[in-house]
Amino acid sequence: IGRNVGAVMMPDVAWQIFQGDVLDAMFSADQVELSVREGRGSWRGQVEPSATITMLSHERMSDEDFKTLVDRLQDIAKYHKQEAIALSVNVEALLIPPGTRCHPHHRADCGV
């Protein structure tokens, strides 16, 4: 998420509330762990402070929960006058080097 509203930076309190609203939406998705990394980003050529919020889960989110999360993030974007909130969905994989084992009793390509 980016801190600017147009070309103007959000005040500190508004930025904290925006981040909190996004965290709350993601936390309510009942996933395992959330982390926040603040940095810098760019939107339409405008550099701005940003935050990347990562949600980790051991299970795939249901389609219904995912739709609810998307709807909430869209509402949050509108409320905070944001043109968009970027959402990236990834699948984690444990990559085992050839010739090694993930567990003593598994083959290297077990995928566990």
PDB file of N, CA and C in Angstrom:
ATOM      1  N   ILE A   1       0.855  -1.171   0.000  1.00  0.00           N
ATOM      2  CA  ILE A   1       0.000   0.000   0.000  1.00  0.00           C
ATOM      3  C   ILE A   1       0.892   1.222   0.000  1.00  0.00           C
ATOM      4  N   GLY A   2       0.418   2.302  -0.605  1.00  0.00           N
ATOM      5  CA  GLY A   2       1.172   3.542  -0.663  1.00  0.00           C
ATOM      6  C   GLY A   2       0.578   4.594   0.251  1.00  0.00           C
ATOM      7  N   ARG A   3       1.427   5.509   0.683  1.00  0.00           N
ATOM      8  CA  ARG A   3       1.017   6.519   1.652  1.00  0.00           C
ATOM      9  C   ARG A   3       0.368   7.750   1.022  1.00  0.00           C
ATOM     10  N   ASN A   4       0.642   7.998  -0.240  1.00  0.00           N
ATOM     11  CA  ASN A   4       0.134   9.224  -0.848  1.00  0.00           C
ATOM     12  C   ASN A   4      -1.351   9.132  -1.182  1.00  0.00           C
ATOM     13  N   VAL A   5      -1.998  10.292  -1.124  1.00  0.00           N
ATOM     14  CA  VAL A   5      -3.335  10.481  -1.675  1.00  0.00           C
ATOM     15  C   VAL A   5      -3.119  11.456  -2.820  1.00  0.00           C
ATOM     16  N   GLY A   6      -3.149  10.934  -4.053  1.00  0.00           N
ATOM     17  CA  GLY A   6      -2.718  11.753  -5.185  1.00  0.00           C
ATOM     18  C   GLY A   6      -1.224  11.992  -5.039  1.00  0.00           C
ATOM     19  N   ALA A   7      -0.823  13.269  -5.077  1.00  0.00           N
ATOM     20  CA  ALA A   7       0.590  13.613  -4.921  1.00  0.00           C
ATOM     21  C   ALA A   7       0.916  14.082  -3.504  1.00  0.00           C
ATOM     22  N   VAL A   8      -0.057  13.983  -2.586  1.00  0.00           N
ATOM     23  CA  VAL A   8       0.114  14.495  -1.219  1.00  0.00           C
ATOM     24  C   VAL A   8       0.242  13.321  -0.246  1.00  0.00           C
ATOM     25  N   MET A   9       1.259  13.391   0.622  1.00  0.00           N
ATOM     26  CA  MET A   9       1.482  12.350   1.603  1.00  0.00           C
ATOM     27  C   MET A   9       0.443  12.424   2.724  1.00  0.00           C
ATOM     28  N   MET A  10      -0.104  11.265   3.119  1.00  0.00           N
ATOM     29  CA  MET A  10      -1.039  11.202   4.244  1.00  0.00           C
ATOM     30  C   MET A  10      -0.340  11.666   5.521  1.00  0.00           C
ATOM     31  N   PRO A  11      -1.059  12.341   6.407  1.00  0.00           N
ATOM     32  CA  PRO A  11      -0.504  12.635   7.724  1.00  0.00           C
ATOM     33  C   PRO A  11      -0.194  11.322   8.459  1.00  0.00           C
ATOM     34  N   ASP A  12       0.705  11.386   9.446  1.00  0.00           N
ATOM     35  CA  ASP A  12       1.131  10.192  10.184  1.00  0.00           C
ATOM     36  C   ASP A  12      -0.042   9.382  10.725  1.00  0.00           C
ATOM     37  N   VAL A  13      -1.000  10.054  11.357  1.00  0.00           N
ATOM     38  CA  VAL A  13      -2.129   9.340  11.966  1.00  0.00           C
ATOM     39  C   VAL A  13      -2.955   8.632  10.886  1.00  0.00           C
ATOM     40  N   ALA A  14      -3.227   9.291   9.780  1.00  0.00           N
ATOM     41  CA  ALA A  14      -4.006   8.687   8.695  1.00  0.00           C
ATOM     42  C   ALA A  14      -3.267   7.474   8.119  1.00  0.00           C
ATOM     43  N   TRP A  15      -1.939   7.566   7.983  1.00  0.00           N
ATOM     44  CA  TRP A  15      -1.126   6.469   7.460  1.00  0.00           C
ATOM     45  C   TRP A  15      -1.201   5.265   8.402  1.00  0.00           C
ATOM     46  N   GLN A  16      -1.113   5.502   9.703  1.00  0.00           N
ATOM     47  CA  GLN A  16      -1.207   4.410  10.678  1.00  0.00           C
ATOM     48  C   GLN A  16      -2.594   3.767  10.652  1.00  0.00           C
ATOM     49  N   ILE A  17      -3.633   4.572  10.527  1.00  0.00           N
ATOM     50  CA  ILE A  17      -4.997   4.038  10.469  1.00  0.00           C
ATOM     51  C   ILE A  17      -5.189   3.220   9.191  1.00  0.00           C
ATOM     52  N   PHE A  18      -4.672   3.706   8.055  1.00  0.00           N
ATOM     53  CA  PHE A  18      -4.776   2.989   6.789  1.00  0.00           C
ATOM     54  C   PHE A  18      -4.098   1.619   6.915  1.00  0.00           C
ATOM     55  N   GLN A  19      -2.876   1.602   7.427  1.00  0.00           N
ATOM     56  CA  GLN A  19      -2.181   0.330   7.613  1.00  0.00           C
ATOM     57  C   GLN A  19      -2.968  -0.584   8.553  1.00  0.00           C
ATOM     58  N   GLY A  20      -3.490  -0.023   9.636  1.00  0.00           N
ATOM     59  CA  GLY A  20      -4.264  -0.806  10.593  1.00  0.00           C
ATOM     60  C   GLY A  20      -5.522  -1.398   9.975  1.00  0.00           C
ATOM     61  N   ASP A  21      -6.186  -0.627   9.118  1.00  0.00           N
ATOM     62  CA  ASP A  21      -7.384  -1.131   8.445  1.00  0.00           C
ATOM     63  C   ASP A  21      -7.047  -2.311   7.541  1.00  0.00           C
ATOM     64  N   VAL A  22      -5.939  -2.208   6.800  1.00  0.00           N
ATOM     65  CA  VAL A  22      -5.520  -3.309   5.926  1.00  0.00           C
ATOM     66  C   VAL A  22      -5.123  -4.527   6.765  1.00  0.00           C
ATOM     67  N   LEU A  23      -4.361  -4.298   7.830  1.00  0.00           N
ATOM     68  CA  LEU A  23      -3.988  -5.407   8.722  1.00  0.00           C
ATOM     69  C   LEU A  23      -5.224  -6.083   9.294  1.00  0.00           C
ATOM     70  N   ASP A  24      -6.192  -5.294   9.712  1.00  0.00           N
ATOM     71  CA  ASP A  24      -7.422  -5.845  10.281  1.00  0.00           C
ATOM     72  C   ASP A  24      -8.156  -6.707   9.257  1.00  0.00           C
ATOM     73  N   ALA A  25      -8.245  -6.242   8.025  1.00  0.00           N
ATOM     74  CA  ALA A  25      -8.911  -7.016   6.974  1.00  0.00           C
ATOM     75  C   ALA A  25      -8.190  -8.337   6.740  1.00  0.00           C
ATOM     76  N   MET A  26      -6.868  -8.296   6.724  1.00  0.00           N
ATOM     77  CA  MET A  26      -6.101  -9.508   6.475  1.00  0.00           C
ATOM     78  C   MET A  26      -6.141 -10.439   7.685  1.00  0.00           C
ATOM     79  N   PHE A  27      -6.094  -9.874   8.879  1.00  0.00           N
ATOM     80  CA  PHE A  27      -6.142 -10.689  10.093  1.00  0.00           C
ATOM     81  C   PHE A  27      -7.483 -11.399  10.206  1.00  0.00           C
ATOM     82  N   SER A  28      -8.556 -10.729   9.824  1.00  0.00           N
ATOM     83  CA  SER A  28      -9.880 -11.335   9.929  1.00  0.00           C
ATOM     84  C   SER A  28     -10.053 -12.471   8.931  1.00  0.00           C
ATOM     85  N   ALA A  29      -9.137 -12.593   7.988  1.00  0.00           N
ATOM     86  CA  ALA A  29      -9.192 -13.713   7.042  1.00  0.00           C
ATOM     87  C   ALA A  29      -8.777 -15.017   7.722  1.00  0.00           C
ATOM     88  N   ASP A  30      -8.440 -14.960   9.024  1.00  0.00           N
ATOM     89  CA  ASP A  30      -8.150 -16.132   9.839  1.00  0.00           C
ATOM     90  C   ASP A  30      -6.953 -16.909   9.311  1.00  0.00           C
ATOM     91  N   GLN A  31      -5.912 -16.209   8.975  1.00  0.00           N
ATOM     92  CA  GLN A  31      -4.706 -16.866   8.494  1.00  0.00           C
ATOM     93  C   GLN A  31      -3.682 -16.941   9.618  1.00  0.00           C
ATOM     94  N   VAL A  32      -2.501 -17.460   9.331  1.00  0.00           N
ATOM     95  CA  VAL A  32      -1.548 -17.815  10.375  1.00  0.00           C
ATOM     96  C   VAL A  32      -0.732 -16.642  10.901  1.00  0.00           C
ATOM     97  N   GLU A  33      -0.131 -15.861  10.026  1.00  0.00           N
ATOM     98  CA  GLU A  33       0.836 -14.861  10.475  1.00  0.00           C
ATOM     99  C   GLU A  33       0.830 -13.652   9.543  1.00  0.00           C
ATOM    100  N   LEU A  34       0.972 -12.472  10.120  1.00  0.00           N
ATOM    101  CA  LEU A  34       1.073 -11.235   9.352  1.00  0.00           C
ATOM    102  C   LEU A  34       2.396 -10.556   9.662  1.00  0.00           C
ATOM    103  N   SER A  35       2.988  -9.938   8.665  1.00  0.00           N
ATOM    104  CA  SER A  35       4.178  -9.111   8.888  1.00  0.00           C
ATOM    105  C   SER A  35       4.076  -7.864   8.024  1.00  0.00           C
ATOM    106  N   VAL A  36       4.712  -6.792   8.487  1.00  0.00           N
ATOM    107  CA  VAL A  36       4.677  -5.513   7.778  1.00  0.00           C
ATOM    108  C   VAL A  36       6.109  -5.070   7.510  1.00  0.00           C
ATOM    109  N   ARG A  37       6.370  -4.657   6.271  1.00  0.00           N
ATOM    110  CA  ARG A  37       7.673  -4.097   5.912  1.00  0.00           C
ATOM    111  C   ARG A  37       7.421  -2.738   5.281  1.00  0.00           C
ATOM    112  N   GLU A  38       7.990  -1.723   5.902  1.00  0.00           N
ATOM    113  CA  GLU A  38       7.843  -0.370   5.336  1.00  0.00           C
ATOM    114  C   GLU A  38       9.029  -0.079   4.430  1.00  0.00           C
ATOM    115  N   GLY A  39       8.763   0.653   3.388  1.00  0.00           N
ATOM    116  CA  GLY A  39       9.814   0.995   2.438  1.00  0.00           C
ATOM    117  C   GLY A  39       9.365   2.143   1.552  1.00  0.00           C
ATOM    118  N   ARG A  40       9.793   2.093   0.290  1.00  0.00           N
ATOM    119  CA  ARG A  40       9.408   3.113  -0.679  1.00  0.00           C
ATOM    120  C   ARG A  40       8.864   2.397  -1.909  1.00  0.00           C
ATOM    121  N   GLY A  41       7.877   3.021  -2.498  1.00  0.00           N
ATOM    122  CA  GLY A  41       7.287   2.479  -3.707  1.00  0.00           C
ATOM    123  C   GLY A  41       7.040   3.600  -4.702  1.00  0.00           C
ATOM    124  N   SER A  42       6.420   3.255  -5.789  1.00  0.00           N
ATOM    125  CA  SER A  42       6.134   4.242  -6.819  1.00  0.00           C
ATOM    126  C   SER A  42       4.767   3.931  -7.418  1.00  0.00           C
ATOM    127  N   TRP A  43       3.990   4.977  -7.616  1.00  0.00           N
ATOM    128  CA  TRP A  43       2.684   4.838  -8.263  1.00  0.00           C
ATOM    129  C   TRP A  43       2.542   5.976  -9.258  1.00  0.00           C
ATOM    130  N   ARG A  44       2.370   5.615 -10.520  1.00  0.00           N
ATOM    131  CA  ARG A  44       2.228   6.596 -11.602  1.00  0.00           C
ATOM    132  C   ARG A  44       3.368   7.616 -11.606  1.00  0.00           C
ATOM    133  N   GLY A  45       4.584   7.091 -11.382  1.00  0.00           N
ATOM    134  CA  GLY A  45       5.781   7.931 -11.429  1.00  0.00           C
ATOM    135  C   GLY A  45       6.056   8.725 -10.165  1.00  0.00           C
ATOM    136  N   GLN A  46       5.194   8.633  -9.180  1.00  0.00           N
ATOM    137  CA  GLN A  46       5.342   9.379  -7.929  1.00  0.00           C
ATOM    138  C   GLN A  46       5.922   8.439  -6.862  1.00  0.00           C
ATOM    139  N   VAL A  47       7.132   8.736  -6.378  1.00  0.00           N
ATOM    140  CA  VAL A  47       7.744   7.932  -5.316  1.00  0.00           C
ATOM    141  C   VAL A  47       7.082   8.297  -3.996  1.00  0.00           C
ATOM    142  N   GLU A  48       6.806   7.268  -3.185  1.00  0.00           N
ATOM    143  CA  GLU A  48       6.118   7.500  -1.918  1.00  0.00           C
ATOM    144  C   GLU A  48       6.507   6.432  -0.903  1.00  0.00           C
ATOM    145  N   PRO A  49       6.371   6.736   0.382  1.00  0.00           N
ATOM    146  CA  PRO A  49       6.519   5.684   1.385  1.00  0.00           C
ATOM    147  C   PRO A  49       5.458   4.619   1.136  1.00  0.00           C
ATOM    148  N   SER A  50       5.793   3.381   1.454  1.00  0.00           N
ATOM    149  CA  SER A  50       4.845   2.295   1.232  1.00  0.00           C
ATOM    150  C   SER A  50       4.995   1.254   2.330  1.00  0.00           C
ATOM    151  N   ALA A  51       4.049   0.348   2.381  1.00  0.00           N
ATOM    152  CA  ALA A  51       4.104  -0.779   3.300  1.00  0.00           C
ATOM    153  C   ALA A  51       3.693  -2.034   2.547  1.00  0.00           C
ATOM    154  N   THR A  52       4.458  -3.100   2.739  1.00  0.00           N
ATOM    155  CA  THR A  52       4.111  -4.404   2.201  1.00  0.00           C
ATOM    156  C   THR A  52       3.660  -5.260   3.370  1.00  0.00           C
ATOM    157  N   ILE A  53       2.439  -5.737   3.295  1.00  0.00           N
ATOM    158  CA  ILE A  53       1.873  -6.555   4.364  1.00  0.00           C
ATOM    159  C   ILE A  53       1.749  -7.971   3.829  1.00  0.00           C
ATOM    160  N   THR A  54       2.397  -8.897   4.513  1.00  0.00           N
ATOM    161  CA  THR A  54       2.443 -10.283   4.076  1.00  0.00           C
ATOM    162  C   THR A  54       1.626 -11.147   5.020  1.00  0.00           C
ATOM    163  N   MET A  55       0.783 -11.966   4.442  1.00  0.00           N
ATOM    164  CA  MET A  55      -0.024 -12.901   5.209  1.00  0.00           C
ATOM    165  C   MET A  55       0.430 -14.309   4.838  1.00  0.00           C
ATOM    166  N   LEU A  56       0.816 -15.091   5.844  1.00  0.00           N
ATOM    167  CA  LEU A  56       1.261 -16.460   5.615  1.00  0.00           C
ATOM    168  C   LEU A  56       0.230 -17.427   6.168  1.00  0.00           C
ATOM    169  N   SER A  57       0.005 -18.504   5.447  1.00  0.00           N
ATOM    170  CA  SER A  57      -0.946 -19.520   5.878  1.00  0.00           C
ATOM    171  C   SER A  57      -0.444 -20.883   5.442  1.00  0.00           C
ATOM    172  N   HIS A  58      -0.764 -21.883   6.225  1.00  0.00           N
ATOM    173  CA  HIS A  58      -0.412 -23.254   5.856  1.00  0.00           C
ATOM    174  C   HIS A  58      -1.478 -23.876   4.967  1.00  0.00           C
ATOM    175  N   GLU A  59      -2.613 -23.212   4.836  1.00  0.00           N
ATOM    176  CA  GLU A  59      -3.704 -23.731   4.022  1.00  0.00           C
ATOM    177  C   GLU A  59      -4.166 -22.669   3.031  1.00  0.00           C
ATOM    178  N   ARG A  60      -4.721 -23.134   1.922  1.00  0.00           N
ATOM    179  CA  ARG A  60      -5.271 -22.224   0.920  1.00  0.00           C
ATOM    180  C   ARG A  60      -6.532 -21.571   1.477  1.00  0.00           C
ATOM    181  N   MET A  61      -6.660 -20.278   1.241  1.00  0.00           N
ATOM    182  CA  MET A  61      -7.846 -19.543   1.667  1.00  0.00           C
ATOM    183  C   MET A  61      -9.031 -19.992   0.805  1.00  0.00           C
ATOM    184  N   SER A  62     -10.187 -20.152   1.426  1.00  0.00           N
ATOM    185  CA  SER A  62     -11.372 -20.545   0.661  1.00  0.00           C
ATOM    186  C   SER A  62     -11.735 -19.428  -0.322  1.00  0.00           C
ATOM    187  N   ASP A  63     -12.436 -19.783  -1.386  1.00  0.00           N
ATOM    188  CA  ASP A  63     -12.863 -18.786  -2.368  1.00  0.00           C
ATOM    189  C   ASP A  63     -13.733 -17.714  -1.722  1.00  0.00           C
ATOM    190  N   GLU A  64     -14.592 -18.135  -0.802  1.00  0.00           N
ATOM    191  CA  GLU A  64     -15.468 -17.179  -0.112  1.00  0.00           C
ATOM    192  C   GLU A  64     -14.663 -16.205   0.752  1.00  0.00           C
ATOM    193  N   ASP A  65     -13.687 -16.723   1.506  1.00  0.00           N
ATOM    194  CA  ASP A  65     -12.846 -15.849   2.336  1.00  0.00           C
ATOM    195  C   ASP A  65     -12.019 -14.904   1.472  1.00  0.00           C
ATOM    196  N   PHE A  66     -11.534 -15.409   0.324  1.00  0.00           N
ATOM    197  CA  PHE A  66     -10.747 -14.565  -0.575  1.00  0.00           C
ATOM    198  C   PHE A  66     -11.607 -13.432  -1.125  1.00  0.00           C
ATOM    199  N   LYS A  67     -12.832 -13.746  -1.526  1.00  0.00           N
ATOM    200  CA  LYS A  67     -13.731 -12.698  -2.038  1.00  0.00           C
ATOM    201  C   LYS A  67     -14.027 -11.671  -0.957  1.00  0.00           C
ATOM    202  N   THR A  68     -14.246 -12.133   0.261  1.00  0.00           N
ATOM    203  CA  THR A  68     -14.488 -11.212   1.377  1.00  0.00           C
ATOM    204  C   THR A  68     -13.288 -10.301   1.593  1.00  0.00           C
ATOM    205  N   LEU A  69     -12.080 -10.863   1.540  1.00  0.00           N
ATOM    206  CA  LEU A  69     -10.861 -10.058   1.700  1.00  0.00           C
ATOM    207  C   LEU A  69     -10.755  -9.019   0.589  1.00  0.00           C
ATOM    208  N   VAL A  70     -10.976  -9.423  -0.642  1.00  0.00           N
ATOM    209  CA  VAL A  70     -10.906  -8.494  -1.779  1.00  0.00           C
ATOM    210  C   VAL A  70     -11.929  -7.367  -1.607  1.00  0.00           C
ATOM    211  N   ASP A  71     -13.155  -7.726  -1.248  1.00  0.00           N
ATOM    212  CA  ASP A  71     -14.196  -6.710  -1.044  1.00  0.00           C
ATOM    213  C   ASP A  71     -13.794  -5.724   0.048  1.00  0.00           C
ATOM    214  N   ARG A  72     -13.255  -6.227   1.149  1.00  0.00           N
ATOM    215  CA  ARG A  72     -12.846  -5.351   2.251  1.00  0.00           C
ATOM    216  C   ARG A  72     -11.702  -4.430   1.825  1.00  0.00           C
ATOM    217  N   LEU A  73     -10.718  -4.977   1.101  1.00  0.00           N
ATOM    218  CA  LEU A  73      -9.593  -4.145   0.649  1.00  0.00           C
ATOM    219  C   LEU A  73     -10.071  -3.068  -0.322  1.00  0.00           C
ATOM    220  N   GLN A  74     -11.029  -3.389  -1.186  1.00  0.00           N
ATOM    221  CA  GLN A  74     -11.581  -2.377  -2.098  1.00  0.00           C
ATOM    222  C   GLN A  74     -12.299  -1.280  -1.320  1.00  0.00           C
ATOM    223  N   ASP A  75     -13.045  -1.652  -0.290  1.00  0.00           N
ATOM    224  CA  ASP A  75     -13.726  -0.657   0.552  1.00  0.00           C
ATOM    225  C   ASP A  75     -12.713   0.221   1.278  1.00  0.00           C
ATOM    226  N   ILE A  76     -11.641  -0.397   1.772  1.00  0.00           N
ATOM    227  CA  ILE A  76     -10.589   0.350   2.477  1.00  0.00           C
ATOM    228  C   ILE A  76      -9.904   1.325   1.523  1.00  0.00           C
ATOM    229  N   ALA A  77      -9.621   0.875   0.303  1.00  0.00           N
ATOM    230  CA  ALA A  77      -8.998   1.750  -0.696  1.00  0.00           C
ATOM    231  C   ALA A  77      -9.884   2.965  -0.956  1.00  0.00           C
ATOM    232  N   LYS A  78     -11.163   2.740  -1.133  1.00  0.00           N
ATOM    233  CA  LYS A  78     -12.088   3.845  -1.385  1.00  0.00           C
ATOM    234  C   LYS A  78     -12.138   4.801  -0.196  1.00  0.00           C
ATOM    235  N   TYR A  79     -12.263   4.245   1.002  1.00  0.00           N
ATOM    236  CA  TYR A  79     -12.352   5.069   2.218  1.00  0.00           C
ATOM    237  C   TYR A  79     -11.114   5.949   2.392  1.00  0.00           C
ATOM    238  N   HIS A  80      -9.933   5.399   2.084  1.00  0.00           N
ATOM    239  CA  HIS A  80      -8.676   6.143   2.259  1.00  0.00           C
ATOM    240  C   HIS A  80      -8.250   6.872   0.994  1.00  0.00           C
ATOM    241  N   LYS A  81      -9.172   6.978   0.036  1.00  0.00           N
ATOM    242  CA  LYS A  81      -8.944   7.734  -1.206  1.00  0.00           C
ATOM    243  C   LYS A  81      -7.729   7.218  -1.994  1.00  0.00           C
ATOM    244  N   GLN A  82      -7.607   5.904  -2.059  1.00  0.00           N
ATOM    245  CA  GLN A  82      -6.529   5.265  -2.808  1.00  0.00           C
ATOM    246  C   GLN A  82      -7.055   4.808  -4.165  1.00  0.00           C
ATOM    247  N   GLU A  83      -6.248   4.961  -5.190  1.00  0.00           N
ATOM    248  CA  GLU A  83      -6.655   4.484  -6.511  1.00  0.00           C
ATOM    249  C   GLU A  83      -6.652   2.962  -6.567  1.00  0.00           C
ATOM    250  N   ALA A  84      -5.808   2.329  -5.750  1.00  0.00           N
ATOM    251  CA  ALA A  84      -5.694   0.866  -5.774  1.00  0.00           C
ATOM    252  C   ALA A  84      -4.956   0.377  -4.532  1.00  0.00           C
ATOM    253  N   ILE A  85      -5.149  -0.870  -4.231  1.00  0.00           N
ATOM    254  CA  ILE A  85      -4.331  -1.614  -3.278  1.00  0.00           C
ATOM    255  C   ILE A  85      -3.838  -2.828  -4.045  1.00  0.00           C
ATOM    256  N   ALA A  86      -2.533  -3.042  -4.075  1.00  0.00           N
ATOM    257  CA  ALA A  86      -1.979  -4.200  -4.777  1.00  0.00           C
ATOM    258  C   ALA A  86      -2.146  -5.442  -3.909  1.00  0.00           C
ATOM    259  N   LEU A  87      -2.621  -6.517  -4.521  1.00  0.00           N
ATOM    260  CA  LEU A  87      -2.775  -7.798  -3.836  1.00  0.00           C
ATOM    261  C   LEU A  87      -2.106  -8.854  -4.696  1.00  0.00           C
ATOM    262  N   SER A  88      -1.172  -9.554  -4.109  1.00  0.00           N
ATOM    263  CA  SER A  88      -0.457 -10.615  -4.814  1.00  0.00           C
ATOM    264  C   SER A  88      -0.692 -11.920  -4.068  1.00  0.00           C
ATOM    265  N   VAL A  89      -1.100 -12.958  -4.778  1.00  0.00           N
ATOM    266  CA  VAL A  89      -1.340 -14.263  -4.175  1.00  0.00           C
ATOM    267  C   VAL A  89      -0.281 -15.211  -4.706  1.00  0.00           C
ATOM    268  N   ASN A  90       0.433 -15.829  -3.777  1.00  0.00           N
ATOM    269  CA  ASN A  90       1.531 -16.712  -4.156  1.00  0.00           C
ATOM    270  C   ASN A  90       1.376 -18.075  -3.494  1.00  0.00           C
ATOM    271  N   VAL A  91       2.010 -19.059  -4.088  1.00  0.00           N
ATOM    272  CA  VAL A  91       2.061 -20.393  -3.511  1.00  0.00           C
ATOM    273  C   VAL A  91       3.499 -20.652  -3.104  1.00  0.00           C
ATOM    274  N   GLU A  92       3.667 -21.042  -1.868  1.00  0.00           N
ATOM    275  CA  GLU A  92       5.003 -21.312  -1.343  1.00  0.00           C
ATOM    276  C   GLU A  92       5.407 -22.730  -1.699  1.00  0.00           C
ATOM    277  N   ALA A  93       6.674 -22.898  -2.006  1.00  0.00           N
ATOM    278  CA  ALA A  93       7.204 -24.235  -2.279  1.00  0.00           C
ATOM    279  C   ALA A  93       8.525 -24.396  -1.535  1.00  0.00           C
ATOM    280  N   LEU A  94       8.731 -25.555  -0.948  1.00  0.00           N
ATOM    281  CA  LEU A  94       9.991 -25.880  -0.297  1.00  0.00           C
ATOM    282  C   LEU A  94      10.870 -26.544  -1.340  1.00  0.00           C
ATOM    283  N   LEU A  95      11.959 -25.904  -1.710  1.00  0.00           N
ATOM    284  CA  LEU A  95      12.835 -26.417  -2.767  1.00  0.00           C
ATOM    285  C   LEU A  95      14.010 -27.155  -2.133  1.00  0.00           C
ATOM    286  N   ILE A  96      14.122 -28.427  -2.430  1.00  0.00           N
ATOM    287  CA  ILE A  96      15.162 -29.290  -1.878  1.00  0.00           C
ATOM    288  C   ILE A  96      16.236 -29.490  -2.940  1.00  0.00           C
ATOM    289  N   PRO A  97      17.509 -29.164  -2.627  1.00  0.00           N
ATOM    290  CA  PRO A  97      18.573 -29.378  -3.606  1.00  0.00           C
ATOM    291  C   PRO A  97      18.698 -30.860  -3.973  1.00  0.00           C
ATOM    292  N   PRO A  98      19.057 -31.152  -5.231  1.00  0.00           N
ATOM    293  CA  PRO A  98      19.237 -32.544  -5.643  1.00  0.00           C
ATOM    294  C   PRO A  98      20.252 -33.248  -4.738  1.00  0.00           C
ATOM    295  N   GLY A  99      19.973 -34.504  -4.431  1.00  0.00           N
ATOM    296  CA  GLY A  99      20.899 -35.299  -3.623  1.00  0.00           C
ATOM    297  C   GLY A  99      20.720 -35.118  -2.127  1.00  0.00           C
ATOM    298  N   THR A 100      19.768 -34.284  -1.706  1.00  0.00           N
ATOM    299  CA  THR A 100      19.510 -34.111  -0.278  1.00  0.00           C
ATOM    300  C   THR A 100      18.100 -34.605   0.021  1.00  0.00           C
ATOM    301  N   ARG A 101      17.777 -34.669   1.298  1.00  0.00           N
ATOM    302  CA  ARG A 101      16.447 -35.125   1.692  1.00  0.00           C
ATOM    303  C   ARG A 101      15.821 -34.111   2.629  1.00  0.00           C
ATOM    304  N   CYS A 102      14.522 -33.916   2.472  1.00  0.00           N
ATOM    305  CA  CYS A 102      13.818 -32.999   3.367  1.00  0.00           C
ATOM    306  C   CYS A 102      13.619 -33.638   4.735  1.00  0.00           C
ATOM    307  N   HIS A 103      13.411 -34.956   4.766  1.00  0.00           N
ATOM    308  CA  HIS A 103      13.257 -35.736   5.995  1.00  0.00           C
ATOM    309  C   HIS A 103      14.056 -37.024   5.807  1.00  0.00           C
ATOM    310  N   PRO A 104      14.609 -37.587   6.837  1.00  0.00           N
ATOM    311  CA  PRO A 104      15.442 -38.795   6.674  1.00  0.00           C
ATOM    312  C   PRO A 104      14.755 -39.924   5.925  1.00  0.00           C
ATOM    313  N   HIS A 105      13.435 -40.043   6.054  1.00  0.00           N
ATOM    314  CA  HIS A 105      12.712 -41.150   5.421  1.00  0.00           C
ATOM    315  C   HIS A 105      12.052 -40.778   4.094  1.00  0.00           C
ATOM    316  N   HIS A 106      12.267 -39.546   3.594  1.00  0.00           N
ATOM    317  CA  HIS A 106      11.654 -39.104   2.330  1.00  0.00           C
ATOM    318  C   HIS A 106      12.687 -39.038   1.212  1.00  0.00           C
ATOM    319  N   ARG A 107      12.175 -39.141  -0.016  1.00  0.00           N
ATOM    320  CA  ARG A 107      13.018 -38.885  -1.189  1.00  0.00           C
ATOM    321  C   ARG A 107      13.206 -37.369  -1.329  1.00  0.00           C
ATOM    322  N   ALA A 108      14.195 -36.943  -2.061  1.00  0.00           N
ATOM    323  CA  ALA A 108      14.461 -35.516  -2.232  1.00  0.00           C
ATOM    324  C   ALA A 108      13.307 -34.801  -2.915  1.00  0.00           C
ATOM    325  N   ASP A 109      12.540 -35.486  -3.734  1.00  0.00           N
ATOM    326  CA  ASP A 109      11.462 -34.837  -4.479  1.00  0.00           C
ATOM    327  C   ASP A 109      10.091 -35.053  -3.845  1.00  0.00           C
ATOM    328  N   CYS A 110      10.039 -35.273  -2.537  1.00  0.00           N
ATOM    329  CA  CYS A 110       8.761 -35.598  -1.901  1.00  0.00           C
ATOM    330  C   CYS A 110       7.795 -34.419  -1.881  1.00  0.00           C
ATOM    331  N   GLY A 111       8.308 -33.183  -1.899  1.00  0.00           N
ATOM    332  CA  GLY A 111       7.430 -32.022  -1.909  1.00  0.00           C
ATOM    333  C   GLY A 111       6.870 -31.654  -0.551  1.00  0.00           C
ATOM    334  N   VAL A 112       7.316 -32.316   0.496  1.00  0.00           N
ATOM    335  CA  VAL A 112       6.823 -32.019   1.848  1.00  0.00           C
ATOM    336  C   VAL A 112       7.700 -30.952   2.470  1.00  0.00           C
TER     337      VAL A 112
END
